[in-house]
Structure formats: structure tokens, C-alpha cells
Protein backbone atom coordinates (compact mmCIF):
# COMPACT_ATOMS: atom_id res chain seq x y z
CA UNK A 1 -1.10 -94.07 -60.62
CA UNK A 2 2.37 -95.54 -61.32
CA UNK A 3 3.73 -93.65 -58.31
CA UNK A 4 0.96 -95.13 -56.15
CA UNK A 5 1.92 -98.65 -57.21
CA UNK A 6 5.63 -97.98 -56.62
CA UNK A 7 4.95 -96.63 -53.12
CA UNK A 8 2.95 -99.71 -52.24
CA UNK A 9 5.74 -101.94 -53.55
CA UNK A 10 8.38 -100.00 -51.62
CA UNK A 11 6.50 -100.13 -48.32
CA UNK A 12 5.20 -103.69 -48.45
CA UNK A 13 7.45 -105.61 -50.82
CA UNK A 14 9.89 -106.66 -48.08
CA UNK A 15 7.16 -108.48 -46.17
CA UNK A 16 6.12 -110.47 -49.18
CA UNK A 17 9.72 -111.30 -50.02
CA UNK A 18 10.17 -112.70 -46.53
CA UNK A 19 7.04 -114.79 -46.96
CA UNK A 20 8.43 -116.21 -50.19
CA UNK A 21 5.32 -115.46 -52.24
CA UNK A 22 6.47 -112.44 -54.25
CA UNK A 23 6.51 -112.93 -58.04
CA UNK A 24 8.47 -110.09 -59.71
CA UNK A 25 7.56 -111.34 -63.19
CA UNK A 26 3.94 -110.23 -62.73
CA UNK A 27 2.74 -106.89 -64.16
CA UNK A 28 3.05 -103.96 -61.78
CA UNK A 29 -0.67 -103.76 -60.94
CA UNK A 30 -0.76 -107.52 -60.31
CA UNK A 31 2.26 -107.25 -57.99
CA UNK A 32 0.48 -104.53 -56.01
CA UNK A 33 -2.70 -106.60 -55.80
CA UNK A 34 -0.68 -109.58 -54.54
CA UNK A 35 1.01 -107.45 -51.89
CA UNK A 36 -2.25 -105.88 -50.73
CA UNK A 37 -3.92 -109.27 -50.45
CA UNK A 38 -1.00 -110.58 -48.44
CA UNK A 39 -1.05 -107.58 -46.09
CA UNK A 40 -4.82 -107.85 -45.61
CA UNK A 41 -4.45 -111.52 -44.75
CA UNK A 42 -1.70 -110.80 -42.22
CA UNK A 43 -3.73 -107.94 -40.73
CA UNK A 44 -6.72 -110.25 -40.33
CA UNK A 45 -4.62 -112.89 -38.59
CA UNK A 46 -3.28 -110.29 -36.18
CA UNK A 47 -6.75 -108.92 -35.38
CA UNK A 48 -8.12 -112.44 -34.86
CA UNK A 49 -5.37 -113.06 -32.31
CA UNK A 50 -6.21 -109.79 -30.57
CA UNK A 51 -9.95 -110.55 -30.47
CA UNK A 52 -9.38 -114.05 -29.12
CA UNK A 53 -7.67 -112.62 -26.06
CA UNK A 54 -11.16 -111.73 -24.86
CA UNK A 55 -14.49 -113.53 -24.62
CA UNK A 56 -15.88 -114.91 -27.88
CA UNK A 57 -19.67 -114.84 -28.46
CA UNK A 58 -21.42 -118.18 -28.90
CA UNK A 59 -24.11 -116.97 -31.29
CA UNK A 60 -24.02 -114.10 -33.80
CA UNK A 61 -26.81 -113.22 -36.25
CA UNK A 62 -26.79 -111.06 -39.38
CA UNK A 63 -29.52 -109.18 -41.23
CA UNK A 64 -27.80 -109.10 -44.62
CA UNK A 65 -29.37 -105.89 -45.92
CA UNK A 66 -28.41 -103.67 -48.82
CA UNK A 67 -27.77 -106.08 -51.70
CA UNK A 68 -30.22 -104.38 -54.07
CA UNK A 69 -29.00 -100.87 -53.25
CA UNK A 70 -25.42 -102.09 -53.68
CA UNK A 71 -26.34 -103.25 -57.19
CA UNK A 72 -28.25 -100.06 -58.06
CA UNK A 73 -25.33 -97.93 -56.93
CA UNK A 74 -23.22 -99.77 -59.50
CA UNK A 75 -25.93 -99.64 -62.19
CA UNK A 76 -26.45 -103.39 -62.13
CA UNK A 77 -29.55 -105.56 -61.94
CA UNK A 78 -30.82 -106.50 -58.47
CA UNK A 79 -29.89 -110.18 -58.78
CA UNK A 80 -26.20 -109.28 -59.19
CA UNK A 81 -26.34 -107.64 -55.76
CA UNK A 82 -27.65 -110.86 -54.24
CA UNK A 83 -24.80 -112.81 -55.87
CA UNK A 84 -22.31 -110.34 -54.36
CA UNK A 85 -24.09 -110.78 -51.05
CA UNK A 86 -23.63 -114.54 -51.19
CA UNK A 87 -19.89 -114.20 -51.70
CA UNK A 88 -19.70 -111.78 -48.78
CA UNK A 89 -21.56 -114.34 -46.66
CA UNK A 90 -18.88 -116.91 -47.53
CA UNK A 91 -16.24 -114.43 -46.31
CA UNK A 92 -18.13 -113.69 -43.09
CA UNK A 93 -18.52 -117.39 -42.31
CA UNK A 94 -14.77 -117.82 -42.73
CA UNK A 95 -14.13 -114.89 -40.36
CA UNK A 96 -16.57 -116.27 -37.78
CA UNK A 97 -14.90 -119.65 -37.97
CA UNK A 98 -11.44 -118.10 -37.51
CA UNK A 99 -12.73 -116.18 -34.48
CA UNK A 100 -14.18 -119.32 -32.92
CA UNK A 101 -17.86 -118.33 -33.15
CA UNK A 102 -19.79 -121.61 -33.05
CA UNK A 103 -23.30 -120.50 -34.07
CA UNK A 104 -24.16 -118.10 -36.90
CA UNK A 105 -27.68 -117.19 -38.03
CA UNK A 106 -28.35 -115.28 -41.26
CA UNK A 107 -31.55 -113.70 -42.56
CA UNK A 108 -31.48 -115.01 -46.12
CA UNK A 109 -35.09 -114.45 -47.23
CA UNK A 110 -38.06 -112.90 -45.43
CA UNK A 111 -41.55 -114.29 -45.92
CA UNK A 112 -42.74 -110.87 -47.07
CA UNK A 113 -40.06 -110.90 -49.80
CA UNK A 114 -42.45 -113.09 -51.79
CA UNK A 115 -44.33 -109.85 -52.49
CA UNK A 116 -41.44 -108.55 -54.61
CA UNK A 117 -41.57 -108.73 -58.40
CA UNK A 118 -41.94 -112.27 -59.82
CA UNK A 119 -38.66 -111.79 -61.69
CA UNK A 120 -36.70 -110.97 -58.56
CA UNK A 121 -38.31 -113.73 -56.49
CA UNK A 122 -37.58 -116.25 -59.25
CA UNK A 123 -33.96 -115.09 -59.44
CA UNK A 124 -33.60 -115.38 -55.65
CA UNK A 125 -35.08 -118.88 -55.60
CA UNK A 126 -32.75 -119.99 -58.40
CA UNK A 127 -29.77 -118.50 -56.59
CA UNK A 128 -30.80 -120.19 -53.33
CA UNK A 129 -31.22 -123.57 -55.02
CA UNK A 130 -27.78 -123.30 -56.63
CA UNK A 131 -25.91 -121.91 -53.64
CA UNK A 132 -27.41 -124.23 -51.02
CA UNK A 133 -26.13 -127.23 -52.95
CA UNK A 134 -22.81 -125.54 -53.65
CA UNK A 135 -22.35 -124.57 -50.01
CA UNK A 136 -23.12 -128.07 -48.73
CA UNK A 137 -21.30 -130.06 -51.40
CA UNK A 138 -18.37 -127.95 -52.59
CA UNK A 139 -17.54 -125.29 -50.01
CA UNK A 140 -14.02 -125.73 -48.63
CA UNK A 141 -15.15 -124.11 -45.37
CA UNK A 142 -17.91 -126.69 -44.87
CA UNK A 143 -15.61 -129.59 -45.77
CA UNK A 144 -12.52 -128.51 -43.85
CA UNK A 145 -14.22 -127.21 -40.73
CA UNK A 146 -17.33 -129.38 -40.53
CA UNK A 147 -19.95 -126.63 -40.79
CA UNK A 148 -23.48 -127.90 -40.18
CA UNK A 149 -26.28 -126.21 -42.15
CA UNK A 150 -29.78 -125.83 -40.71
CA UNK A 151 -32.65 -124.26 -42.63
CA UNK A 152 -34.87 -122.29 -40.24
CA UNK A 153 -38.21 -120.94 -41.36
CA UNK A 154 -41.44 -121.92 -43.06
CA UNK A 155 -40.09 -124.15 -45.80
CA UNK A 156 -43.62 -125.12 -46.85
CA UNK A 157 -43.67 -121.78 -48.70
CA UNK A 158 -40.69 -122.76 -50.88
CA UNK A 159 -40.96 -124.18 -54.41
CA UNK A 160 -40.43 -127.93 -54.48
CA UNK A 161 -36.97 -127.84 -56.10
CA UNK A 162 -35.72 -125.22 -53.62
CA UNK A 163 -37.11 -127.26 -50.72
CA UNK A 164 -35.21 -130.27 -52.04
CA UNK A 165 -31.99 -128.22 -52.14
CA UNK A 166 -32.59 -127.12 -48.53
CA UNK A 167 -33.13 -130.72 -47.43
CA UNK A 168 -30.01 -131.78 -49.35
CA UNK A 169 -27.91 -129.16 -47.53
CA UNK A 170 -29.19 -130.29 -44.14
CA UNK A 171 -28.76 -134.00 -44.84
CA UNK A 172 -25.30 -133.54 -46.37
CA UNK A 173 -23.99 -131.73 -43.29
CA UNK A 174 -26.09 -133.26 -40.50
CA UNK A 175 -23.15 -135.17 -38.97
CA UNK A 176 -20.75 -132.22 -39.05
CA UNK A 177 -19.58 -131.03 -35.64
CA UNK A 178 -18.11 -127.64 -36.43
CA UNK A 179 -19.80 -124.26 -36.62
CA UNK A 180 -23.59 -124.35 -36.96
CA UNK A 181 -25.05 -122.13 -39.69
CA UNK A 182 -28.75 -121.33 -39.37
CA UNK A 183 -30.04 -120.09 -42.74
CA UNK A 184 -33.37 -118.36 -42.09
CA UNK A 185 -35.26 -118.94 -45.30
CA UNK A 186 -38.11 -118.05 -45.68
CA UNK A 187 -38.51 -116.59 -42.24
CA UNK A 188 -40.27 -114.04 -40.05
CA UNK A 189 -40.13 -113.79 -36.27
CA UNK A 190 -43.90 -113.51 -35.94
CA UNK A 191 -44.36 -116.66 -38.02
CA UNK A 192 -41.73 -118.41 -35.88
CA UNK A 193 -43.44 -117.44 -32.62
CA UNK A 194 -46.91 -118.30 -33.97
CA UNK A 195 -45.67 -121.72 -35.08
CA UNK A 196 -44.13 -122.32 -31.65
CA UNK A 197 -47.44 -121.46 -29.93
CA UNK A 198 -49.31 -123.80 -32.27
CA UNK A 199 -46.88 -126.58 -31.33
CA UNK A 200 -47.46 -125.86 -27.64
CA UNK A 201 -51.25 -126.09 -28.02
CA UNK A 202 -50.91 -129.25 -30.12
CA UNK A 203 -48.67 -130.87 -27.50
CA UNK A 204 -51.18 -129.97 -24.77
CA UNK A 205 -53.95 -131.52 -26.85
CA UNK A 206 -51.92 -134.71 -27.28
CA UNK A 207 -51.05 -134.85 -23.59
CA UNK A 208 -47.33 -134.36 -24.24
CA UNK A 209 -47.36 -131.07 -22.33
CA UNK A 210 -49.41 -130.02 -19.32
CA UNK A 211 -51.12 -126.63 -19.26
CA UNK A 212 -49.29 -125.93 -16.01
CA UNK A 213 -45.98 -126.41 -17.82
CA UNK A 214 -46.63 -123.71 -20.42
CA UNK A 215 -43.96 -121.09 -19.82
CA UNK A 216 -41.24 -119.16 -21.61
CA UNK A 217 -39.05 -122.24 -21.95
CA UNK A 218 -41.91 -124.26 -23.46
CA UNK A 219 -42.24 -121.72 -26.26
CA UNK A 220 -38.51 -121.11 -26.68
CA UNK A 221 -37.74 -124.81 -27.11
CA UNK A 222 -40.18 -124.91 -30.05
CA UNK A 223 -38.76 -121.96 -31.98
CA UNK A 224 -37.36 -122.55 -35.47
CA UNK A 225 -33.87 -121.15 -34.84
CA UNK A 226 -31.83 -123.51 -32.65
CA UNK A 227 -28.68 -122.76 -30.76
CA UNK A 228 -27.61 -120.97 -27.58
CA UNK A 229 -28.92 -117.50 -26.60
CA UNK A 230 -28.19 -114.79 -29.15
CA UNK A 231 -25.17 -112.66 -28.21
CA UNK A 232 -24.90 -110.21 -31.11
CA UNK A 233 -27.29 -109.11 -33.87
CA UNK A 234 -25.79 -107.15 -36.77
CA UNK A 235 -27.76 -105.32 -39.44
CA UNK A 236 -26.04 -103.72 -42.41
CA UNK A 237 -27.14 -100.94 -44.83
CA UNK A 238 -27.73 -98.25 -42.19
CA UNK A 239 -31.39 -99.13 -41.62
CA UNK A 240 -32.27 -99.09 -37.90
CA UNK A 241 -34.98 -101.74 -37.64
CA UNK A 242 -35.34 -105.46 -36.99
CA UNK A 243 -37.47 -106.29 -40.05
CA UNK A 244 -39.26 -109.02 -38.09
CA UNK A 245 -36.06 -111.00 -37.49
CA UNK A 246 -35.27 -112.95 -34.30
CA UNK A 247 -37.50 -110.74 -32.16
CA UNK A 248 -37.79 -113.32 -29.37
CA UNK A 249 -34.06 -114.00 -29.29
CA UNK A 250 -33.06 -110.33 -29.52
CA UNK A 251 -35.21 -109.42 -26.52
CA UNK A 252 -32.97 -111.47 -24.22
CA UNK A 253 -29.94 -109.21 -23.78
CA UNK A 254 -28.62 -109.47 -27.33
CA UNK A 255 -26.11 -106.78 -28.30
CA UNK A 256 -27.57 -104.93 -31.32
CA UNK A 257 -25.35 -103.17 -33.86
CA UNK A 258 -26.48 -101.28 -36.97
CA UNK A 259 -23.71 -100.77 -39.53
CA UNK A 260 -23.97 -98.12 -42.24
CA UNK A 261 -22.56 -100.19 -45.12
CA UNK A 262 -24.29 -102.42 -47.65
CA UNK A 263 -23.92 -106.12 -46.93
CA UNK A 264 -21.47 -106.81 -49.82
CA UNK A 265 -19.24 -104.04 -48.39
CA UNK A 266 -19.25 -105.44 -44.85
CA UNK A 267 -15.60 -106.03 -43.93
CA UNK A 268 -13.58 -107.97 -41.40
CA UNK A 269 -12.70 -104.67 -39.74
CA UNK A 270 -16.43 -103.99 -39.20
CA UNK A 271 -16.71 -107.46 -37.67
CA UNK A 272 -13.67 -106.92 -35.48
CA UNK A 273 -14.93 -103.57 -34.15
CA UNK A 274 -18.34 -105.03 -33.32
CA UNK A 275 -16.74 -107.94 -31.47
CA UNK A 276 -14.42 -105.68 -29.46
CA UNK A 277 -17.29 -103.36 -28.51
CA UNK A 278 -19.34 -106.40 -27.38
CA UNK A 279 -16.42 -107.60 -25.26
CA UNK A 280 -16.15 -104.17 -23.62
CA UNK A 281 -19.91 -104.11 -22.97
CA UNK A 282 -20.17 -107.74 -21.84
CA UNK A 283 -19.91 -107.10 -18.11
CA UNK A 284 -22.73 -104.52 -18.12
CA UNK A 285 -24.87 -106.78 -20.31
CA UNK A 286 -24.53 -109.67 -17.86
CA UNK A 287 -25.32 -107.40 -14.93
CA UNK A 288 -28.74 -106.71 -16.47
CA UNK A 289 -29.55 -110.42 -16.79
């Protein structure tokens, strides 16, 4: 183990010395951790520059799957996996912002998740209430880059205190002009489409919309998830299914990628590879439109 640390120091120490951040008074393992973090940061900056030489997607969505299995694999309770998943989300939002992606949608809680054990649902609601306020009020990413938070889904199903936290997050960030973050919570695509159709029929009844004007655009404009057309949909955990997420949006030439890692293990390199593969496929995607 000591040899491993010494090799890392020998290979990478010069770079950190040049950067002026090396602290030789730290213990050996701490020095190695500092060097690795520095190298990872420099690698990410380089890959961002490479990716930005090509087209950048306007809208990317994530099915953040695998939190519970991540926790079980480490012999932890399920709620700890969701906490790890939240911190990975914060990382992913930072990466998307660095890459210049302006719209990000995340599947935070499915309507059918209410059928899970009362203990897990309660833990998830408590986590959501805490993290929505934290994200809107204390997140450096939101403050520095003007991220706007939008809650998409059937919020009538939420407990009152969680609904208040969702409204707080939206109101706190409503004037921000940076990246738009659509938090789908609680959400299902079939509920979204059904709600849009109900709005169409209600608008026809009120005379706001003519029956002759009912078309694809009339429904699409009444969907819960705003933003431009979906470019990329990513699902983690290795499961190859949509789980009733953004079915309408995904049907319109979205690039679908299934990644065989749990959400808390999703890395910038995964993100970079997906983006590059989308850029390479972009021409053929547009030809099918």
C-alpha cells in the first residue's frame, strides 16, 4: 500500500507543485487523496473542453436508478442510498452546467413509489423536503449559476409540508436565468399525458381551444415537463426500461442510453462518453426527423 502511495506521488506530485496546492505536511494518504482530486479535476476540465468542440444537447434527462441496490451492496439501509443519490445529482448538475447543457430533467420519485413500505416513503419525503430547501437556498451551484428549479408532476399527491418545500424551491429560483432543472416528483408519463388531455378537453369546454385545433402541439404544450425537445435520456443501474418516464418526449428522436452502474456510481466519464456518442450520432438522428 505504501508503494502504491509513493508511485502516485512520484507520477503526479509535479503537477500539484506547479499548481501551488501541494501540502507536504499532510499524512501520506492525505497527500495522495489531494493529488488524485487535483488530477480528476484537471481531467474533467480537459474533457469538458473536448466535448464543447462539438454540438451540446439542449435537454438531457436522467432516470436515477439503483440507489437502493447501491445501499444493499454496502450493507446499508435503503435511505442511505437515496442520500448518496442526492449528492451524485449535485455532481451531475455541476457537470451539466460546465458542459453548457441548459435543461436537465430528473426522475426523483415515481407515483407508484408510494406503494413502497411506509418507512421508506416517509424517509424519501423527509429527504425531499430537506434537500429541496437546501438546493434552492444554500446550493452554491444554484446561487452562482442561477439555476431555476421547476417541480414537474402531480404535486397534489405530496404531503403538505413537502408541497410547501417544492413551492419554496420554485419561488426562490423563479427569476434565475441559468440552467433549468425539472425535478419530476411525483411523476409518471401516463399521468402527465392524461392530465394534458384533461386540460385540452377543459379548454375546449371553456371555448379557449377549438376542437379543430386539437393536435399534437395542443397536447404537448400542456405537458408537465417544460423545456425544449428531449435530446438524451440516460438510465442508470443496467435496467433496460423507461419506467413510465417521459414517454411522450422520448418518442421524438431522443437518444436513449442505458448505463450499467448504480446512480451513485455514475461518473463524469460516463457522462462524457454518452455526450460524445450523441454527437457522433446527431447527424443520423436529424436525418430521421
